[in-house]
């Protein structure tokens, strides 16, 4: 995400969207009531005598008041809908329109107030995080996943199948190597139970020395999505540890640890609100599905000098946090 122009005194930020991750971050920043200005296409009404005809779709710069927005990961777009507040003369103001934001789009967002956690997320999206490829491997199969700022995406599987004979294992490893090379990642974690990860590593070392420098080995007790989650939780790899999913997982696990040991934590709407009001909340944790509900609490936490962390529900720890209620705080002191 590129910040083209920022004027917080006027509440305006102009952005250029580069990736799907940028779109994911953008939909966490937007709120109903924001004004969004972007180039879009719209049919124009033409008046012929007493009749009004619908003309062709043409590009134009429109400003909408955001009413709703939907992130469509399958099409790689964010659709923003709301009444038109300004545009060319031929466009009827207050009529509704939908703008589609995709990689390559530019837009200006105007807010009454930019919250600190929104600015932090925007800066986070501005700093490009390296994509990480995870290969979970055992004697029967290899599962592949991609870790991005927007979450974990399972990619595919290679079955050992006819490669189960020890003499034909090289064919199994070669198919895995071909899959990894096709994806062109710079950071690769190879993990799994037993010794297959070392066997695969030794094979890659022999066949492709350049690839070896990108690989980190890690032990895991399972493959598939559970193995990927295990890697994210326990990885010593700095890139994995600094990813959004890993950071959020650490916060949630610290919360659960404190709850279990009767430590400095509060959870649930009433207890967390009291902690915030008394200035005891050092870090307020809010599920991304609860931000509208707890917006006032988030504002108050920031005013009291607290840190606000929005935890996405698109990974295992985030799901567990949402089931807990989706609102909690790590405390400075008991209250």
Protein backbone atom coordinates (compact mmCIF):
# COMPACT_ATOMS: atom_id res chain seq x y z
CA UNK A 1 0.00 0.00 0.00
CA UNK A 2 1.37 3.38 -0.98
CA UNK A 3 0.42 6.54 0.88
CA UNK A 4 0.33 9.15 -1.90
CA UNK A 5 -0.82 12.05 0.26
CA UNK A 6 -1.83 12.47 3.91
CA UNK A 7 -3.49 15.51 5.54
CA UNK A 8 -4.87 14.48 8.92
CA UNK A 9 -5.95 18.04 9.75
CA UNK A 10 -8.47 17.73 6.92
CA UNK A 11 -8.98 14.01 7.61
CA UNK A 12 -7.79 13.05 4.11
CA UNK A 13 -5.50 10.22 3.04
CA UNK A 14 -4.90 9.22 -0.58
CA UNK A 15 -3.75 5.64 -1.16
CA UNK A 16 -2.63 3.42 -4.01
CA UNK A 17 -3.50 -0.25 -3.66
CA UNK A 18 -0.91 -2.72 -4.91
CA UNK A 19 -1.83 -6.18 -3.59
CA UNK A 20 -4.63 -8.35 -2.25
CA UNK A 21 -3.14 -7.86 1.22
CA UNK A 22 -3.53 -4.09 0.77
CA UNK A 23 -7.23 -4.58 0.02
CA UNK A 24 -7.57 -6.73 3.12
CA UNK A 25 -6.03 -3.98 5.26
CA UNK A 26 -8.16 -1.32 3.55
CA UNK A 27 -11.43 -2.97 4.54
CA UNK A 28 -10.22 -2.92 8.17
CA UNK A 29 -9.66 0.84 7.93
CA UNK A 30 -12.97 1.84 6.29
CA UNK A 31 -16.06 2.75 8.33
CA UNK A 32 -19.62 3.69 7.41
CA UNK A 33 -19.80 7.47 7.02
CA UNK A 34 -16.34 7.82 5.47
CA UNK A 35 -16.11 9.70 2.18
CA UNK A 36 -14.31 7.76 -0.56
CA UNK A 37 -13.24 9.38 -3.82
CA UNK A 38 -12.13 7.17 -6.72
CA UNK A 39 -12.33 6.78 -10.47
CA UNK A 40 -15.15 4.45 -11.44
CA UNK A 41 -17.45 3.66 -14.38
CA UNK A 42 -21.15 4.60 -14.41
CA UNK A 43 -23.94 4.80 -16.93
CA UNK A 44 -25.05 8.35 -17.66
CA UNK A 45 -28.69 9.31 -18.24
CA UNK A 46 -29.29 11.20 -21.51
CA UNK A 47 -32.30 13.50 -22.01
CA UNK A 48 -33.78 13.36 -25.52
CA UNK A 49 -36.78 15.70 -25.67
CA UNK A 50 -39.13 14.60 -22.92
CA UNK A 51 -37.55 11.16 -22.64
CA UNK A 52 -34.59 10.10 -20.55
CA UNK A 53 -32.42 7.34 -21.98
CA UNK A 54 -29.65 5.36 -20.35
CA UNK A 55 -26.28 6.11 -21.96
CA UNK A 56 -23.02 4.20 -22.05
CA UNK A 57 -20.84 3.50 -19.05
CA UNK A 58 -18.04 6.06 -18.82
CA UNK A 59 -15.15 6.65 -16.43
CA UNK A 60 -15.63 9.44 -13.90
CA UNK A 61 -14.38 10.63 -10.52
CA UNK A 62 -17.04 10.16 -7.85
CA UNK A 63 -17.17 10.69 -4.10
CA UNK A 64 -19.37 8.28 -2.13
CA UNK A 65 -20.43 8.30 1.49
CA UNK A 66 -19.58 4.77 2.60
CA UNK A 67 -22.66 2.83 3.62
CA UNK A 68 -21.40 -0.73 3.21
CA UNK A 69 -18.41 -2.57 1.80
CA UNK A 70 -17.62 -6.18 1.01
CA UNK A 71 -14.26 -7.85 0.50
CA UNK A 72 -14.40 -10.45 -2.29
CA UNK A 73 -11.22 -12.49 -1.92
CA UNK A 74 -12.06 -14.73 -4.88
CA UNK A 75 -12.19 -11.75 -7.30
CA UNK A 76 -9.56 -9.72 -5.48
CA UNK A 77 -11.77 -6.65 -5.03
CA UNK A 78 -13.38 -4.50 -2.35
CA UNK A 79 -16.84 -3.24 -3.35
CA UNK A 80 -17.79 0.03 -1.65
CA UNK A 81 -21.42 1.16 -1.86
CA UNK A 82 -23.11 4.38 -0.84
CA UNK A 83 -24.85 7.58 -2.00
CA UNK A 84 -22.95 9.88 -4.38
CA UNK A 85 -21.85 13.12 -2.72
CA UNK A 86 -20.02 14.74 -5.63
CA UNK A 87 -19.27 14.04 -9.26
CA UNK A 88 -19.82 15.35 -12.82
CA UNK A 89 -22.90 17.48 -13.57
CA UNK A 90 -24.67 14.64 -15.39
CA UNK A 91 -24.62 12.44 -12.26
CA UNK A 92 -27.55 12.68 -9.88
CA UNK A 93 -26.35 13.38 -6.35
CA UNK A 94 -27.61 11.07 -3.57
CA UNK A 95 -28.16 8.26 -6.07
CA UNK A 96 -26.37 5.03 -5.13
CA UNK A 97 -23.24 3.65 -6.72
CA UNK A 98 -20.68 0.88 -6.07
CA UNK A 99 -16.95 1.41 -6.54
CA UNK A 100 -14.71 -1.66 -7.00
CA UNK A 101 -11.22 -1.29 -5.55
CA UNK A 102 -8.61 -3.68 -6.98
CA UNK A 103 -4.80 -3.86 -7.09
CA UNK A 104 -3.73 -0.78 -9.05
CA UNK A 105 -6.62 1.39 -7.80
CA UNK A 106 -6.16 4.80 -6.21
CA UNK A 107 -8.63 6.28 -3.74
CA UNK A 108 -8.91 9.09 -1.24
CA UNK A 109 -10.49 8.44 2.15
CA UNK A 110 -11.86 11.29 4.24
CA UNK A 111 -12.75 10.63 7.88
CA UNK A 112 -14.03 12.80 10.69
CA UNK A 113 -11.30 11.21 12.80
CA UNK A 114 -8.47 8.83 12.01
CA UNK A 115 -8.11 6.47 14.99
CA UNK A 116 -4.62 5.51 16.08
CA UNK A 117 -5.14 1.80 15.33
CA UNK A 118 -6.25 2.71 11.78
CA UNK A 119 -3.08 4.75 11.20
CA UNK A 120 -1.00 1.91 12.64
CA UNK A 121 -2.65 -0.58 10.28
CA UNK A 122 -2.07 1.74 7.33
CA UNK A 123 1.62 2.00 8.22
CA UNK A 124 1.77 -1.76 8.68
CA UNK A 125 0.33 -2.25 5.19
CA UNK A 126 2.80 0.32 3.85
CA UNK A 127 5.72 -1.84 5.05
CA UNK A 128 5.83 -4.80 2.71
CA UNK A 129 5.94 -8.14 4.49
CA UNK A 130 7.66 -10.98 2.72
CA UNK A 131 5.33 -13.77 1.63
CA UNK A 132 6.11 -17.09 3.28
CA UNK A 133 5.62 -20.51 1.75
CA UNK A 134 5.06 -23.41 4.16
CA UNK A 135 5.57 -27.04 3.12
CA UNK A 136 4.26 -29.63 5.57
CA UNK A 137 5.72 -33.03 4.66
CA UNK A 138 5.62 -36.62 5.92
CA UNK A 139 6.02 -39.99 4.22
CA UNK A 140 2.49 -39.97 2.79
CA UNK A 141 1.94 -36.43 1.55
CA UNK A 142 3.11 -32.84 1.34
CA UNK A 143 0.71 -29.95 1.99
CA UNK A 144 1.46 -26.41 0.87
CA UNK A 145 0.28 -23.13 2.36
CA UNK A 146 0.92 -19.43 1.89
CA UNK A 147 1.13 -17.07 4.85
CA UNK A 148 0.17 -13.50 3.97
CA UNK A 149 -0.92 -10.48 5.99
CA UNK A 150 -4.48 -11.39 5.04
CA UNK A 151 -4.17 -14.85 6.58
CA UNK A 152 -3.31 -18.45 5.76
CA UNK A 153 -4.30 -19.93 2.43
CA UNK A 154 -3.97 -23.68 1.83
CA UNK A 155 -2.67 -24.20 -1.70
CA UNK A 156 -2.41 -27.84 -2.65
CA UNK A 157 -1.16 -31.35 -1.90
CA UNK A 158 1.30 -33.84 -3.36
CA UNK A 159 0.55 -37.47 -2.47
CA UNK A 160 3.38 -39.97 -2.10
CA UNK A 161 1.21 -42.65 -3.75
CA UNK A 162 3.35 -44.79 -6.01
CA UNK A 163 6.44 -43.14 -4.47
CA UNK A 164 6.08 -45.17 -1.26
CA UNK A 165 8.89 -47.52 -2.22
CA UNK A 166 12.19 -46.31 -0.74
CA UNK A 167 13.93 -46.52 -4.11
CA UNK A 168 11.42 -44.17 -5.71
CA UNK A 169 11.32 -41.50 -3.00
CA UNK A 170 13.35 -39.18 -5.21
CA UNK A 171 10.36 -38.89 -7.56
CA UNK A 172 8.20 -37.80 -4.60
CA UNK A 173 10.77 -35.19 -3.54
CA UNK A 174 11.18 -33.96 -7.11
CA UNK A 175 7.44 -33.37 -7.46
CA UNK A 176 7.51 -31.35 -4.22
CA UNK A 177 10.53 -29.37 -5.42
CA UNK A 178 8.85 -28.64 -8.76
CA UNK A 179 5.79 -27.30 -6.91
CA UNK A 180 7.91 -25.05 -4.66
CA UNK A 181 9.97 -23.68 -7.56
CA UNK A 182 6.81 -22.88 -9.51
CA UNK A 183 5.61 -20.56 -6.74
CA UNK A 184 8.84 -18.49 -6.61
CA UNK A 185 8.81 -17.65 -2.90
CA UNK A 186 11.79 -16.04 -1.15
CA UNK A 187 11.09 -17.54 2.28
CA UNK A 188 10.21 -21.21 2.72
CA UNK A 189 9.52 -23.20 5.88
CA UNK A 190 9.71 -27.00 5.54
CA UNK A 191 8.16 -28.73 8.53
CA UNK A 192 6.63 -32.01 9.61
CA UNK A 193 7.00 -35.07 11.84
CA UNK A 194 9.74 -37.69 11.55
CA UNK A 195 12.71 -37.28 9.24
CA UNK A 196 11.00 -36.48 5.93
CA UNK A 197 11.72 -32.76 6.19
CA UNK A 198 15.46 -33.52 6.50
CA UNK A 199 15.27 -36.04 3.65
CA UNK A 200 13.51 -33.47 1.45
CA UNK A 201 16.04 -30.80 2.44
CA UNK A 202 18.97 -33.06 1.54
CA UNK A 203 17.38 -33.80 -1.83
CA UNK A 204 16.83 -30.10 -2.56
CA UNK A 205 20.40 -29.35 -1.44
CA UNK A 206 21.67 -31.79 -4.04
CA UNK A 207 19.38 -30.62 -6.85
CA UNK A 208 19.06 -26.86 -6.31
CA UNK A 209 21.65 -25.11 -4.13
CA UNK A 210 20.03 -21.69 -4.61
CA UNK A 211 16.74 -22.95 -3.21
CA UNK A 212 18.38 -24.25 -0.01
CA UNK A 213 19.29 -20.74 1.12
CA UNK A 214 15.58 -19.84 1.28
CA UNK A 215 14.59 -22.81 3.47
CA UNK A 216 14.14 -23.03 7.24
CA UNK A 217 13.51 -26.47 8.78
CA UNK A 218 11.08 -26.87 11.65
CA UNK A 219 9.64 -29.78 13.60
CA UNK A 220 5.86 -30.25 13.66
CA UNK A 221 3.69 -33.07 14.92
CA UNK A 222 1.22 -33.11 12.04
CA UNK A 223 0.71 -31.99 8.45
CA UNK A 224 -2.26 -30.20 6.82
CA UNK A 225 -3.80 -27.06 8.29
CA UNK A 226 -3.20 -28.15 11.89
CA UNK A 227 0.50 -28.47 11.07
CA UNK A 228 0.53 -25.01 9.50
CA UNK A 229 -1.07 -23.54 12.62
CA UNK A 230 1.57 -25.31 14.70
CA UNK A 231 4.34 -23.75 12.60
CA UNK A 232 2.85 -20.28 13.01
CA UNK A 233 2.58 -20.68 16.79
CA UNK A 234 6.03 -22.07 17.48
CA UNK A 235 8.27 -20.97 14.61
CA UNK A 236 11.68 -19.56 15.45
CA UNK A 237 11.82 -18.14 11.93
CA UNK A 238 11.84 -14.35 12.33
CA UNK A 239 9.71 -13.72 9.24
CA UNK A 240 6.98 -16.08 10.42
CA UNK A 241 7.09 -14.69 13.95
CA UNK A 242 6.63 -11.12 12.71
CA UNK A 243 3.66 -11.92 10.49
CA UNK A 244 0.26 -10.53 11.42
CA UNK A 245 -1.22 -13.95 12.18
CA UNK A 246 1.71 -14.83 14.43
CA UNK A 247 1.57 -11.49 16.28
CA UNK A 248 -2.16 -11.81 16.89
CA UNK A 249 -1.74 -15.44 17.99
CA UNK A 250 0.85 -14.34 20.59
CA UNK A 251 -1.54 -11.73 22.02
CA UNK A 252 -4.41 -14.21 22.26
CA UNK A 253 -2.26 -16.93 23.83
CA UNK A 254 -0.92 -14.43 26.36
CA UNK A 255 -4.52 -13.48 27.21
CA UNK A 256 -5.53 -17.12 27.70
CA UNK A 257 -2.40 -17.76 29.80
CA UNK A 258 -3.24 -14.83 32.09
CA UNK A 259 -6.88 -15.91 32.41
CA UNK A 260 -5.81 -19.45 33.31
CA UNK A 261 -3.34 -18.23 35.96
CA UNK A 262 -5.58 -15.44 37.28
CA UNK A 263 -3.12 -12.90 35.91
CA UNK A 264 -3.54 -9.33 34.72
CA UNK A 265 -6.38 -9.76 32.25
CA UNK A 266 -10.00 -8.75 31.79
CA UNK A 267 -12.51 -10.16 29.32
CA UNK A 268 -16.15 -9.72 28.46
CA UNK A 269 -17.85 -6.37 27.75
CA UNK A 270 -18.50 -5.21 31.31
CA UNK A 271 -15.18 -6.17 32.90
CA UNK A 272 -13.17 -4.88 29.95
CA UNK A 273 -15.06 -1.57 29.91
CA UNK A 274 -14.30 -1.06 33.60
CA UNK A 275 -10.62 -1.76 32.93
CA UNK A 276 -10.55 0.78 30.10
CA UNK A 277 -12.43 3.45 32.09
CA UNK A 278 -9.97 3.10 34.99
CA UNK A 279 -6.90 3.30 32.74
CA UNK A 280 -5.90 -0.27 33.59
CA UNK A 281 -6.01 -1.57 30.00
CA UNK A 282 -2.49 -1.60 28.59
CA UNK A 283 -3.59 -3.48 25.45
CA UNK A 284 -7.22 -3.73 24.35
CA UNK A 285 -7.93 -6.76 22.15
CA UNK A 286 -10.97 -6.55 19.86
CA UNK A 287 -12.14 -9.13 17.33
CA UNK A 288 -12.46 -7.72 13.81
CA UNK A 289 -16.10 -8.83 13.91
CA UNK A 290 -16.76 -6.68 16.99
CA UNK A 291 -15.14 -3.36 16.08
CA UNK A 292 -18.44 -1.63 15.30
CA UNK A 293 -19.90 -2.79 18.60
CA UNK A 294 -16.90 -1.63 20.67
CA UNK A 295 -15.79 1.48 18.76
CA UNK A 296 -16.37 3.77 21.75
CA UNK A 297 -14.35 1.49 24.01
CA UNK A 298 -11.52 1.45 21.46
CA UNK A 299 -11.53 5.27 21.35
CA UNK A 300 -11.45 5.49 25.16
CA UNK A 301 -8.60 2.98 25.41
CA UNK A 302 -6.48 5.10 23.07
CA UNK A 303 -7.34 8.28 24.99
CA UNK A 304 -6.15 6.58 28.19
CA UNK A 305 -2.81 5.72 26.55
CA UNK A 306 -3.62 2.09 25.77
CA UNK A 307 -2.74 0.11 22.69
CA UNK A 308 -5.58 -1.28 20.55
CA UNK A 309 -5.06 -4.55 18.67
CA UNK A 310 -7.71 -5.79 16.23
CA UNK A 311 -7.59 -9.60 16.10
CA UNK A 312 -8.83 -11.18 12.89
CA UNK A 313 -11.11 -14.20 13.10
CA UNK A 314 -9.56 -15.79 9.99
CA UNK A 315 -7.10 -17.98 11.94
CA UNK A 316 -7.29 -20.49 14.79
CA UNK A 317 -6.34 -18.15 17.65
CA UNK A 318 -8.64 -15.43 16.30
CA UNK A 319 -11.55 -17.87 16.17
CA UNK A 320 -10.90 -18.88 19.78
CA UNK A 321 -10.81 -15.24 20.84
CA UNK A 322 -14.11 -14.54 19.08
CA UNK A 323 -15.71 -17.51 20.88
CA UNK A 324 -14.51 -15.96 24.15
CA UNK A 325 -16.54 -12.87 23.26
CA UNK A 326 -14.15 -10.92 21.09
CA UNK A 327 -13.31 -8.23 23.67
CA UNK A 328 -10.58 -8.35 26.34
CA UNK A 329 -7.64 -6.46 27.78
CA UNK A 330 -4.13 -7.14 29.01
CA UNK A 331 -3.82 -5.02 32.13
CA UNK A 332 -1.23 -2.68 33.66
CA UNK A 333 -2.57 -3.27 37.18
CA UNK A 334 -5.50 -4.89 38.97
CA UNK A 335 -8.56 -2.75 39.53
